[in-house]
């Protein structure tokens, strides 16, 4: 695989961002818990190691710690908590509390080499701080490389070994020259080769899939979303007609979703596709149920039953099942004190299959973040309308119809949502928005249409900007675009007489309403 960076997660909320920034520099990275022992770390053979930040104090009982011999395995970058551990392990001392720094701060570069190569001597730069403990003096054998008005040591390096540390988060966008600092660690300190590209990933993964599958058959649960679509295209590139995709139409999908999937996968890519029309089965199972979590469980269980029936018919001799598992699915429940625990989604990538389903899983995207998946899809030739589309929830429109779900309500929402997205695209705004969708509210309002009073449905519109979905801000539409969207929905969707816009950020709100 070439150069690779091992990130040991001490519990920071920004650890995934570190991995993303490294990969954006075209260097492969993985996140692992700090409980990995020295033998495992050596066997992993990292080109460099990053020790992340975390909420603990290095002096707390049970706080993450490492074998000091890790400092001799590969070049090291300590970030916040990681810096404090390096200082303590190197004979220095940590000062607790006192001058806590949180948020934007200005640092002064004291040495323009190493992490600060390309900076000016004495340059002032904005960074993002988040710490209580701090290093008061550099440990023996270390040199000061940056400081701030409130903290005499915000960056340091060992005088003869490739050990560097910073007391701020270079991975967040608030640190103005953060990408330069990370790039310097990768290429100036670790001498990495930037070989992590979609093309190289595809070549490696195709070889792995062919070696694993041999001449056996494979099935894939296809949702039409980005993840399962790219996974299917990748496996198809590897084994061709040995793959059969199964697409379940739940009746809860976007307008014309089934037709688009069939057109793309059969006509455009030539992939064998079995379509299961199960709209009535899902709507019957949901009848009268309005509680969000119960709706999700009903859909999940029904999907598994429908998929297993289809798989038993279409994949009688199949030995493998493809899932669109992504890297955040794998690492999202890794804690600073425990080992990795994969939390796999149960909607539309067929998690939770019954024990008697004797498939071996193929998860070709489990090393990738969402933006990397999109780039792999583009490299594989998938149309932009598929790889660039906004996230869509596994349970579909059932969680955007608030309250109980009926065929009529779904039809109203499908039409309103389609108009909304059509106008966003027409205005050239689709790619500026992380996610946009309509919600059918369980309320009616009085309106006037022509000479008649109406008592009809209310549709809420939601659009947010985000980088990873963990936090999000509501999108500020131009007024003329919003006016056009509202007018079209009210005039073209029978049963709707009022449109409202959600101006809540996440947190405190979530992106979805249910």
Protein backbone atom coordinates (compact mmCIF):
# COMPACT_ATOMS: atom_id res chain seq x y z
CA UNK A 1 0.00 0.00 0.00
CA UNK A 2 3.01 2.32 0.38
CA UNK A 3 3.12 5.08 2.99
CA UNK A 4 0.60 4.88 5.81
CA UNK A 5 -0.07 6.79 8.99
CA UNK A 6 -1.30 5.17 12.19
CA UNK A 7 -3.58 7.40 14.30
CA UNK A 8 -4.00 6.33 17.91
CA UNK A 9 -7.27 7.78 19.21
CA UNK A 10 -7.17 9.17 22.73
CA UNK A 11 -10.83 10.22 22.59
CA UNK A 12 -10.81 13.51 20.68
CA UNK A 13 -13.97 14.58 18.88
CA UNK A 14 -11.68 15.57 15.99
CA UNK A 15 -9.85 12.24 15.45
CA UNK A 16 -11.77 11.43 12.26
CA UNK A 17 -10.77 14.84 10.93
CA UNK A 18 -7.10 13.96 11.41
CA UNK A 19 -7.57 10.85 9.26
CA UNK A 20 -9.43 12.83 6.61
CA UNK A 21 -6.75 15.52 6.44
CA UNK A 22 -4.02 12.90 6.03
CA UNK A 23 -5.96 11.20 3.24
CA UNK A 24 -6.65 14.52 1.54
CA UNK A 25 -2.86 14.73 1.21
CA UNK A 26 -3.08 11.34 -0.60
CA UNK A 27 -1.52 9.35 2.23
CA UNK A 28 -3.38 6.37 3.69
CA UNK A 29 -4.32 6.52 7.38
CA UNK A 30 -6.16 4.36 9.90
CA UNK A 31 -7.57 5.09 13.37
CA UNK A 32 -6.97 2.60 16.17
CA UNK A 33 -7.44 2.66 19.95
CA UNK A 34 -4.49 3.45 22.21
CA UNK A 35 -4.72 -0.08 23.61
CA UNK A 36 -2.84 -1.43 20.59
CA UNK A 37 0.35 -2.91 22.02
CA UNK A 38 3.87 -2.25 20.81
CA UNK A 39 4.18 -5.55 18.92
CA UNK A 40 0.96 -4.83 17.00
CA UNK A 41 2.11 -1.29 16.15
CA UNK A 42 5.46 -2.54 14.86
CA UNK A 43 3.76 -5.22 12.77
CA UNK A 44 1.42 -2.59 11.27
CA UNK A 45 4.63 -0.92 10.04
CA UNK A 46 3.54 2.74 10.07
CA UNK A 47 5.41 5.40 8.12
CA UNK A 48 4.39 7.79 10.91
CA UNK A 49 2.25 7.82 14.05
CA UNK A 50 -0.15 10.51 15.28
CA UNK A 51 -1.30 10.56 18.90
CA UNK A 52 -4.64 12.39 18.98
CA UNK A 53 -6.13 14.78 21.47
CA UNK A 54 -8.58 13.66 24.13
CA UNK A 55 -10.67 14.80 27.08
CA UNK A 56 -8.57 13.15 29.79
CA UNK A 57 -5.71 14.56 31.78
CA UNK A 58 -2.53 12.51 31.31
CA UNK A 59 -2.32 12.27 35.10
CA UNK A 60 -5.82 10.76 35.47
CA UNK A 61 -6.11 7.15 36.55
CA UNK A 62 -7.06 5.07 33.52
CA UNK A 63 -6.11 7.79 31.02
CA UNK A 64 -4.79 6.51 27.66
CA UNK A 65 -1.11 5.69 27.76
CA UNK A 66 1.52 4.07 25.56
CA UNK A 67 4.72 2.09 25.83
CA UNK A 68 7.46 4.77 25.68
CA UNK A 69 9.22 2.58 23.12
CA UNK A 70 6.59 3.75 20.63
CA UNK A 71 8.71 6.89 20.26
CA UNK A 72 11.33 4.77 18.46
CA UNK A 73 8.97 2.97 16.04
CA UNK A 74 8.35 5.78 13.54
CA UNK A 75 8.16 9.58 13.40
CA UNK A 76 5.59 10.84 15.93
CA UNK A 77 3.19 13.77 16.02
CA UNK A 78 1.44 14.42 19.32
CA UNK A 79 -1.70 16.59 19.20
CA UNK A 80 -2.93 18.20 22.47
CA UNK A 81 -3.29 15.16 24.78
CA UNK A 82 -0.67 13.44 22.60
CA UNK A 83 1.74 16.31 23.20
CA UNK A 84 1.20 16.15 26.94
CA UNK A 85 1.86 12.39 26.99
CA UNK A 86 5.06 12.88 24.98
CA UNK A 87 6.22 15.57 27.42
CA UNK A 88 5.51 13.36 30.43
CA UNK A 89 7.13 10.28 28.82
CA UNK A 90 10.21 12.36 27.99
CA UNK A 91 10.86 13.52 31.54
CA UNK A 92 8.91 16.77 31.41
CA UNK A 93 6.02 17.91 33.57
CA UNK A 94 2.41 18.89 32.95
CA UNK A 95 0.62 21.80 34.58
CA UNK A 96 -3.07 21.17 35.17
CA UNK A 97 -5.93 23.69 34.91
CA UNK A 98 -5.04 27.32 35.42
CA UNK A 99 -4.77 28.83 31.97
CA UNK A 100 -7.35 26.80 30.09
CA UNK A 101 -7.51 27.76 26.40
CA UNK A 102 -10.49 26.98 24.20
CA UNK A 103 -11.23 28.37 20.76
CA UNK A 104 -9.25 30.63 18.46
CA UNK A 105 -5.80 31.71 19.55
CA UNK A 106 -2.74 33.26 17.95
CA UNK A 107 0.60 31.51 18.01
CA UNK A 108 4.07 32.79 17.17
CA UNK A 109 6.38 30.52 15.16
CA UNK A 110 9.76 30.30 16.89
CA UNK A 111 11.48 27.93 14.45
CA UNK A 112 10.56 27.62 10.78
CA UNK A 113 11.68 24.03 10.20
CA UNK A 114 9.96 20.66 10.66
CA UNK A 115 6.23 21.19 11.18
CA UNK A 116 6.68 24.88 10.41
CA UNK A 117 8.77 24.56 7.25
CA UNK A 118 7.67 27.29 4.85
CA UNK A 119 6.51 29.59 7.66
CA UNK A 120 8.31 32.85 8.40
CA UNK A 121 10.40 33.11 11.53
CA UNK A 122 8.23 34.97 14.06
CA UNK A 123 5.09 34.53 11.93
CA UNK A 124 1.80 34.85 13.78
CA UNK A 125 -0.90 32.37 12.86
CA UNK A 126 -4.44 31.57 14.02
CA UNK A 127 -5.02 28.11 15.52
CA UNK A 128 -7.77 26.29 17.42
CA UNK A 129 -6.99 25.49 21.06
CA UNK A 130 -8.82 23.07 23.33
CA UNK A 131 -6.96 22.15 26.50
CA UNK A 132 -6.77 22.57 30.26
CA UNK A 133 -3.43 20.91 30.99
CA UNK A 134 -0.37 22.30 29.26
CA UNK A 135 3.39 21.91 29.00
CA UNK A 136 5.07 24.72 30.95
CA UNK A 137 8.63 23.99 29.83
CA UNK A 138 10.00 21.81 27.03
CA UNK A 139 11.35 18.46 28.33
CA UNK A 140 15.07 17.66 28.25
CA UNK A 141 16.29 17.15 24.68
CA UNK A 142 13.40 19.13 23.11
CA UNK A 143 13.34 22.52 21.39
CA UNK A 144 10.55 25.11 21.42
CA UNK A 145 9.00 25.66 17.97
CA UNK A 146 5.94 27.84 18.73
CA UNK A 147 4.34 29.71 21.63
CA UNK A 148 1.30 31.88 22.40
CA UNK A 149 0.60 34.76 24.77
CA UNK A 150 -1.14 32.42 27.22
CA UNK A 151 1.02 29.35 26.74
CA UNK A 152 4.82 29.40 26.50
CA UNK A 153 4.95 25.98 24.79
CA UNK A 154 2.38 25.33 22.04
CA UNK A 155 4.72 23.33 19.81
CA UNK A 156 7.99 21.48 20.30
CA UNK A 157 10.29 18.96 18.66
CA UNK A 158 12.98 16.59 19.78
CA UNK A 159 16.46 17.86 18.95
CA UNK A 160 17.69 14.60 17.35
CA UNK A 161 14.69 12.28 16.89
CA UNK A 162 11.62 12.75 14.61
CA UNK A 163 9.25 13.53 17.49
CA UNK A 164 7.00 16.59 17.14
CA UNK A 165 4.10 17.88 19.21
CA UNK A 166 1.51 20.67 19.10
CA UNK A 167 -0.92 21.95 21.75
CA UNK A 168 -3.59 22.89 19.18
CA UNK A 169 -5.76 21.14 16.59
CA UNK A 170 -4.13 21.42 13.16
CA UNK A 171 -6.89 19.24 11.68
CA UNK A 172 -9.79 21.72 12.10
CA UNK A 173 -10.44 24.43 9.53
CA UNK A 174 -10.17 27.17 12.20
CA UNK A 175 -6.40 26.53 12.24
CA UNK A 176 -5.58 28.62 9.19
CA UNK A 177 -2.35 26.85 8.19
CA UNK A 178 -3.32 23.47 9.58
CA UNK A 179 -3.01 21.73 6.19
CA UNK A 180 0.56 23.04 5.88
CA UNK A 181 1.46 21.68 9.32
CA UNK A 182 -0.01 18.24 8.55
CA UNK A 183 1.64 18.22 5.12
CA UNK A 184 4.99 19.07 6.70
CA UNK A 185 4.65 16.17 9.12
CA UNK A 186 3.78 13.78 6.30
CA UNK A 187 6.38 14.85 3.75
CA UNK A 188 9.12 16.75 5.61
CA UNK A 189 9.24 14.57 8.71
CA UNK A 190 7.91 11.15 7.63
CA UNK A 191 8.96 11.37 3.94
CA UNK A 192 5.66 9.81 2.84
CA UNK A 193 4.83 9.09 -0.80
CA UNK A 194 1.42 10.51 -1.86
CA UNK A 195 0.06 7.33 -3.44
CA UNK A 196 -3.43 7.05 -1.90
CA UNK A 197 -5.61 7.72 -4.97
CA UNK A 198 -8.97 6.34 -6.18
CA UNK A 199 -7.24 4.57 -9.06
CA UNK A 200 -4.75 2.78 -6.81
CA UNK A 201 -7.51 1.87 -4.35
CA UNK A 202 -9.63 0.35 -7.13
CA UNK A 203 -6.73 -1.69 -8.51
CA UNK A 204 -5.86 -3.06 -5.06
CA UNK A 205 -9.47 -3.82 -4.14
CA UNK A 206 -10.26 -5.51 -7.47
CA UNK A 207 -7.29 -7.84 -6.96
CA UNK A 208 -8.44 -8.66 -3.40
CA UNK A 209 -12.02 -9.37 -4.49
CA UNK A 210 -10.94 -11.64 -7.34
CA UNK A 211 -8.63 -13.60 -5.05
CA UNK A 212 -11.36 -13.97 -2.41
CA UNK A 213 -14.29 -14.85 -4.67
CA UNK A 214 -12.67 -17.08 -7.27
CA UNK A 215 -15.44 -18.46 -9.49
CA UNK A 216 -18.20 -18.23 -6.87
CA UNK A 217 -21.29 -16.01 -7.09
CA UNK A 218 -22.00 -12.83 -5.14
CA UNK A 219 -25.15 -10.87 -4.31
CA UNK A 220 -25.46 -7.23 -3.32
CA UNK A 221 -28.30 -5.40 -1.61
CA UNK A 222 -28.62 -2.26 -3.70
CA UNK A 223 -30.42 0.80 -2.33
CA UNK A 224 -29.65 3.30 -5.07
CA UNK A 225 -27.65 5.40 -2.61
CA UNK A 226 -24.00 6.33 -3.07
CA UNK A 227 -22.44 3.65 -0.85
CA UNK A 228 -24.18 0.53 -2.15
CA UNK A 229 -23.98 1.79 -5.75
CA UNK A 230 -20.21 2.31 -5.61
CA UNK A 231 -19.70 -1.01 -3.79
CA UNK A 232 -21.70 -2.80 -6.49
CA UNK A 233 -19.83 -1.10 -9.33
CA UNK A 234 -16.47 -1.95 -7.74
CA UNK A 235 -17.34 -5.62 -7.23
CA UNK A 236 -18.76 -5.80 -10.77
CA UNK A 237 -15.46 -4.46 -12.15
CA UNK A 238 -13.72 -7.31 -10.32
CA UNK A 239 -15.98 -10.27 -11.14
CA UNK A 240 -18.47 -9.16 -13.81
CA UNK A 241 -21.53 -11.40 -14.19
CA UNK A 242 -20.70 -13.37 -11.04
CA UNK A 243 -22.47 -10.48 -9.25
CA UNK A 244 -26.25 -10.14 -8.94
CA UNK A 245 -27.72 -7.01 -7.35
CA UNK A 246 -31.06 -7.04 -5.56
CA UNK A 247 -33.01 -3.78 -5.37
CA UNK A 248 -35.98 -3.62 -3.01
CA UNK A 249 -38.59 -0.98 -3.86
CA UNK A 250 -40.06 -0.23 -0.44
CA UNK A 251 -42.49 2.37 -1.73
CA UNK A 252 -40.68 4.84 0.54
CA UNK A 253 -38.06 6.00 -1.94
CA UNK A 254 -37.65 9.25 -3.84
CA UNK A 255 -39.77 9.92 -6.91
CA UNK A 256 -38.72 7.68 -9.85
CA UNK A 257 -35.92 6.12 -7.76
CA UNK A 258 -36.55 2.59 -9.04
CA UNK A 259 -36.52 3.65 -12.67
CA UNK A 260 -33.25 5.54 -12.19
CA UNK A 261 -31.55 2.58 -10.51
CA UNK A 262 -32.72 0.19 -13.21
CA UNK A 263 -31.57 2.53 -15.97
CA UNK A 264 -28.15 3.11 -14.42
CA UNK A 265 -27.31 -0.44 -13.44
CA UNK A 266 -28.87 -2.40 -16.29
CA UNK A 267 -28.44 -0.09 -19.26
CA UNK A 268 -25.41 1.99 -18.27
CA UNK A 269 -23.29 -0.52 -16.34
CA UNK A 270 -24.65 -3.84 -17.56
CA UNK A 271 -24.99 -5.26 -14.04
CA UNK A 272 -27.44 -8.09 -13.38
CA UNK A 273 -30.26 -6.58 -11.34
CA UNK A 274 -33.28 -8.16 -9.67
CA UNK A 275 -35.98 -5.66 -8.67
CA UNK A 276 -38.42 -6.58 -5.90
CA UNK A 277 -41.66 -4.60 -5.80
CA UNK A 278 -42.56 -4.63 -2.10
CA UNK A 279 -44.42 -1.34 -1.64
CA UNK A 280 -47.63 -2.92 -0.30
CA UNK A 281 -45.72 -5.13 2.11
CA UNK A 282 -43.92 -2.18 3.71
CA UNK A 283 -46.95 0.12 3.85
CA UNK A 284 -49.08 -2.65 5.38
CA UNK A 285 -46.44 -3.28 8.04
CA UNK A 286 -46.34 0.45 8.85
CA UNK A 287 -50.11 0.98 8.93
CA UNK A 288 -51.21 3.05 11.93
CA UNK A 289 -47.71 3.36 13.45
CA UNK A 290 -46.49 6.90 14.12
CA UNK A 291 -43.67 6.44 16.65
CA UNK A 292 -40.33 7.11 14.91
CA UNK A 293 -38.22 4.35 16.44
CA UNK A 294 -40.94 1.75 15.92
CA UNK A 295 -41.24 2.80 12.28
CA UNK A 296 -37.50 2.32 11.85
CA UNK A 297 -37.61 -1.16 13.39
CA UNK A 298 -40.59 -2.20 11.28
CA UNK A 299 -38.83 -1.09 8.11
CA UNK A 300 -35.56 -2.76 9.11
CA UNK A 301 -37.21 -6.09 9.92
CA UNK A 302 -39.40 -6.02 6.83
CA UNK A 303 -36.44 -5.16 4.62
CA UNK A 304 -34.44 -8.09 5.96
CA UNK A 305 -37.36 -10.49 5.38
CA UNK A 306 -37.93 -9.23 1.83
CA UNK A 307 -34.24 -9.27 0.99
CA UNK A 308 -33.74 -12.78 2.34
CA UNK A 309 -36.65 -14.07 0.28
CA UNK A 310 -35.19 -12.45 -2.83
CA UNK A 311 -31.67 -13.65 -2.05
CA UNK A 312 -32.87 -17.22 -1.59
CA UNK A 313 -34.41 -17.07 -5.05
CA UNK A 314 -31.83 -15.02 -6.98
CA UNK A 315 -28.68 -16.11 -5.18
CA UNK A 316 -29.20 -19.83 -4.60
CA UNK A 317 -25.54 -20.60 -5.18
CA UNK A 318 -24.14 -17.30 -3.90
CA UNK A 319 -21.41 -17.52 -1.29
CA UNK A 320 -20.79 -13.81 -0.70
CA UNK A 321 -22.83 -10.74 0.21
CA UNK A 322 -21.68 -7.19 -0.61
CA UNK A 323 -22.31 -4.40 1.92
CA UNK A 324 -21.60 -0.68 1.49
CA UNK A 325 -19.98 -0.33 4.92
CA UNK A 326 -17.87 2.84 5.21
CA UNK A 327 -14.95 3.64 7.51
CA UNK A 328 -17.01 5.84 9.88
CA UNK A 329 -19.36 2.85 10.36
CA UNK A 330 -16.37 0.80 11.48
CA UNK A 331 -14.79 3.32 13.85
CA UNK A 332 -17.76 5.31 15.16
CA UNK A 333 -17.95 3.37 18.41
CA UNK A 334 -14.22 3.07 19.08
CA UNK A 335 -13.59 4.52 22.52
CA UNK A 336 -10.35 5.78 24.00
CA UNK A 337 -10.46 3.03 26.62
CA UNK A 338 -11.65 0.11 24.52
CA UNK A 339 -11.04 -1.73 21.32
CA UNK A 340 -12.64 -1.20 17.95
CA UNK A 341 -16.28 -2.10 17.65
CA UNK A 342 -17.99 -2.04 14.28
CA UNK A 343 -21.47 -0.54 14.37
CA UNK A 344 -22.99 -1.39 11.01
CA UNK A 345 -26.14 0.26 9.74
CA UNK A 346 -29.17 -1.98 9.52
CA UNK A 347 -31.04 -0.19 6.74
CA UNK A 348 -30.28 -0.83 3.10
CA UNK A 349 -26.95 -2.47 3.51
CA UNK A 350 -28.64 -5.53 4.93
CA UNK A 351 -27.14 -5.59 8.40
CA UNK A 352 -28.78 -7.92 10.92
CA UNK A 353 -29.27 -10.90 8.61
CA UNK A 354 -30.43 -14.09 10.27
CA UNK A 355 -27.79 -16.61 11.42
CA UNK A 356 -28.84 -19.25 8.87
CA UNK A 357 -27.88 -16.95 5.97
CA UNK A 358 -24.47 -18.44 5.20
CA UNK A 359 -22.85 -15.56 3.37
CA UNK A 360 -19.30 -14.31 3.68
CA UNK A 361 -19.31 -10.50 3.75
CA UNK A 362 -17.47 -8.40 1.17
CA UNK A 363 -17.13 -4.79 2.35
CA UNK A 364 -14.95 -3.14 -0.31
CA UNK A 365 -15.47 0.41 0.99
CA UNK A 366 -14.81 -0.18 4.68
CA UNK A 367 -11.53 1.77 4.49
CA UNK A 368 -13.11 4.88 2.92
CA UNK A 369 -14.77 8.09 4.03
CA UNK A 370 -17.81 9.37 2.11
CA UNK A 371 -15.91 11.85 -0.06
CA UNK A 372 -13.46 9.10 -1.01
CA UNK A 373 -16.35 6.82 -1.94
CA UNK A 374 -17.71 9.50 -4.27
CA UNK A 375 -14.30 9.84 -5.96
CA UNK A 376 -14.03 6.08 -6.40
CA UNK A 377 -17.50 6.08 -7.95
CA UNK A 378 -16.46 8.78 -10.42
CA UNK A 379 -13.34 6.80 -11.30
CA UNK A 380 -15.55 3.75 -11.95
CA UNK A 381 -17.72 5.74 -14.36
CA UNK A 382 -20.88 6.11 -12.27
CA UNK A 383 -22.95 9.15 -13.31
CA UNK A 384 -22.58 12.32 -11.25
CA UNK A 385 -26.31 12.35 -10.48
CA UNK A 386 -25.69 9.17 -8.49
CA UNK A 387 -22.29 9.69 -6.83
CA UNK A 388 -22.93 13.34 -6.00
CA UNK A 389 -26.39 12.93 -4.54
CA UNK A 390 -27.25 14.01 -1.02
CA UNK A 391 -27.46 11.44 1.80
CA UNK A 392 -30.76 9.61 2.06
CA UNK A 393 -31.90 7.74 5.19
CA UNK A 394 -32.16 3.96 5.11
CA UNK A 395 -35.82 3.96 6.27
CA UNK A 396 -36.60 6.32 3.39
CA UNK A 397 -39.49 8.77 3.38
CA UNK A 398 -41.19 6.99 6.28
CA UNK A 399 -39.17 9.14 8.72
CA UNK A 400 -39.94 12.28 6.74
CA UNK A 401 -43.68 11.65 6.92
CA UNK A 402 -44.16 12.61 10.56
CA UNK A 403 -46.75 10.42 12.22
CA UNK A 404 -48.37 7.45 10.55
CA UNK A 405 -47.43 6.58 6.97
CA UNK A 406 -49.86 6.05 4.09
CA UNK A 407 -49.44 5.72 0.33
CA UNK A 408 -51.17 9.09 -0.20
CA UNK A 409 -48.87 10.88 2.25
CA UNK A 410 -45.78 9.36 0.66
CA UNK A 411 -46.99 10.46 -2.80
CA UNK A 412 -47.48 14.05 -1.60
CA UNK A 413 -44.01 14.12 -0.06
CA UNK A 414 -42.36 12.55 -3.12
CA UNK A 415 -43.76 15.26 -5.39
CA UNK A 416 -42.87 18.11 -3.01
CA UNK A 417 -39.35 16.76 -2.47
CA UNK A 418 -38.78 16.32 -6.21
CA UNK A 419 -39.78 19.93 -6.92
CA UNK A 420 -37.52 21.15 -4.10
CA UNK A 421 -34.45 19.30 -5.41
CA UNK A 422 -35.24 20.22 -9.01
CA UNK A 423 -35.25 23.94 -8.17
CA UNK A 424 -32.06 23.64 -6.09
CA UNK A 425 -30.31 22.05 -9.07
CA UNK A 426 -31.74 24.62 -11.49
CA UNK A 427 -30.34 27.40 -9.29
CA UNK A 428 -26.89 25.76 -9.29
CA UNK A 429 -26.98 25.30 -5.50
CA UNK A 430 -27.13 21.50 -5.15
CA UNK A 431 -23.40 20.99 -4.60
CA UNK A 432 -23.27 23.84 -2.05
CA UNK A 433 -25.65 21.93 0.22
CA UNK A 434 -24.81 18.82 2.25
CA UNK A 435 -28.41 17.63 2.42
CA UNK A 436 -31.79 19.02 1.38
CA UNK A 437 -35.20 17.41 1.74
CA UNK A 438 -38.87 18.01 2.42
CA UNK A 439 -40.84 16.84 5.47
CA UNK A 440 -44.60 16.29 5.59
CA UNK A 441 -45.85 17.62 8.93
CA UNK A 442 -48.73 16.01 10.86
CA UNK A 443 -50.64 19.32 10.93
CA UNK A 444 -53.02 21.08 8.61
CA UNK A 445 -53.49 24.78 8.11
CA UNK A 446 -56.15 27.07 6.69
CA UNK A 447 -55.46 28.60 3.30
CA UNK A 448 -57.20 30.32 0.40
CA UNK A 449 -56.98 29.05 -3.16
CA UNK A 450 -59.03 31.08 -5.65
CA UNK A 451 -62.41 31.69 -4.06
CA UNK A 452 -62.17 28.72 -1.73
CA UNK A 453 -60.86 28.23 1.79
CA UNK A 454 -58.69 25.16 2.14
CA UNK A 455 -57.58 23.03 5.04
CA UNK A 456 -54.49 21.23 3.78
CA UNK A 457 -51.05 19.86 4.61
CA UNK A 458 -47.93 21.76 5.65
CA UNK A 459 -44.55 20.88 4.11
CA UNK A 460 -41.33 21.84 5.91
CA UNK A 461 -38.13 22.26 3.93
CA UNK A 462 -34.69 21.49 5.35
CA UNK A 463 -31.28 22.28 3.86
CA UNK A 464 -27.96 22.20 5.70
CA UNK A 465 -24.26 22.71 5.06
CA UNK A 466 -21.77 20.37 6.69
CA UNK A 467 -18.49 18.57 6.10
CA UNK A 468 -19.29 15.27 7.77
CA UNK A 469 -22.88 15.44 9.08
CA UNK A 470 -21.69 15.55 12.70
CA UNK A 471 -22.47 19.26 12.91
CA UNK A 472 -24.50 21.30 10.45
CA UNK A 473 -25.72 24.84 9.78
CA UNK A 474 -28.97 25.69 8.02
CA UNK A 475 -28.48 26.93 4.47
CA UNK A 476 -29.38 30.54 3.65
CA UNK A 477 -31.25 30.43 0.33
CA UNK A 478 -31.55 33.45 -1.94
CA UNK A 479 -35.08 34.77 -1.39
CA UNK A 480 -36.09 34.42 -5.03
CA UNK A 481 -35.14 30.72 -5.04
CA UNK A 482 -37.08 30.06 -1.86
CA UNK A 483 -40.10 31.95 -3.23
CA UNK A 484 -40.04 29.88 -6.43
CA UNK A 485 -39.78 26.61 -4.51
CA UNK A 486 -42.70 27.50 -2.24
CA UNK A 487 -44.87 28.68 -5.12
CA UNK A 488 -44.29 25.55 -7.18
CA UNK A 489 -44.98 23.15 -4.30
CA UNK A 490 -48.23 24.88 -3.32
CA UNK A 491 -49.42 25.17 -6.90
CA UNK A 492 -48.33 21.76 -8.20
CA UNK A 493 -48.73 19.41 -5.23
CA UNK A 494 -52.37 18.76 -4.51
CA UNK A 495 -53.05 18.72 -0.77
CA UNK A 496 -50.39 21.28 0.27
CA UNK A 497 -51.24 24.92 1.01
CA UNK A 498 -48.33 26.02 3.21
CA UNK A 499 -44.53 25.71 3.05
CA UNK A 500 -42.18 26.51 5.98
CA UNK A 501 -38.37 26.49 6.23
CA UNK A 502 -36.33 24.96 9.07
CA UNK A 503 -33.65 27.36 10.37
CA UNK A 504 -32.23 25.08 13.09
CA UNK A 505 -28.58 24.07 13.28
CA UNK A 506 -27.13 20.78 14.52
CA UNK A 507 -26.73 20.79 17.46
CA UNK A 508 -29.16 21.39 19.12
CA UNK A 509 -31.43 20.01 16.36
CA UNK A 510 -30.64 16.92 14.29
CA UNK A 511 -30.53 17.02 10.50
CA UNK A 512 -33.49 14.67 10.09
CA UNK A 513 -36.69 15.42 11.97
CA UNK A 514 -37.20 11.86 13.19
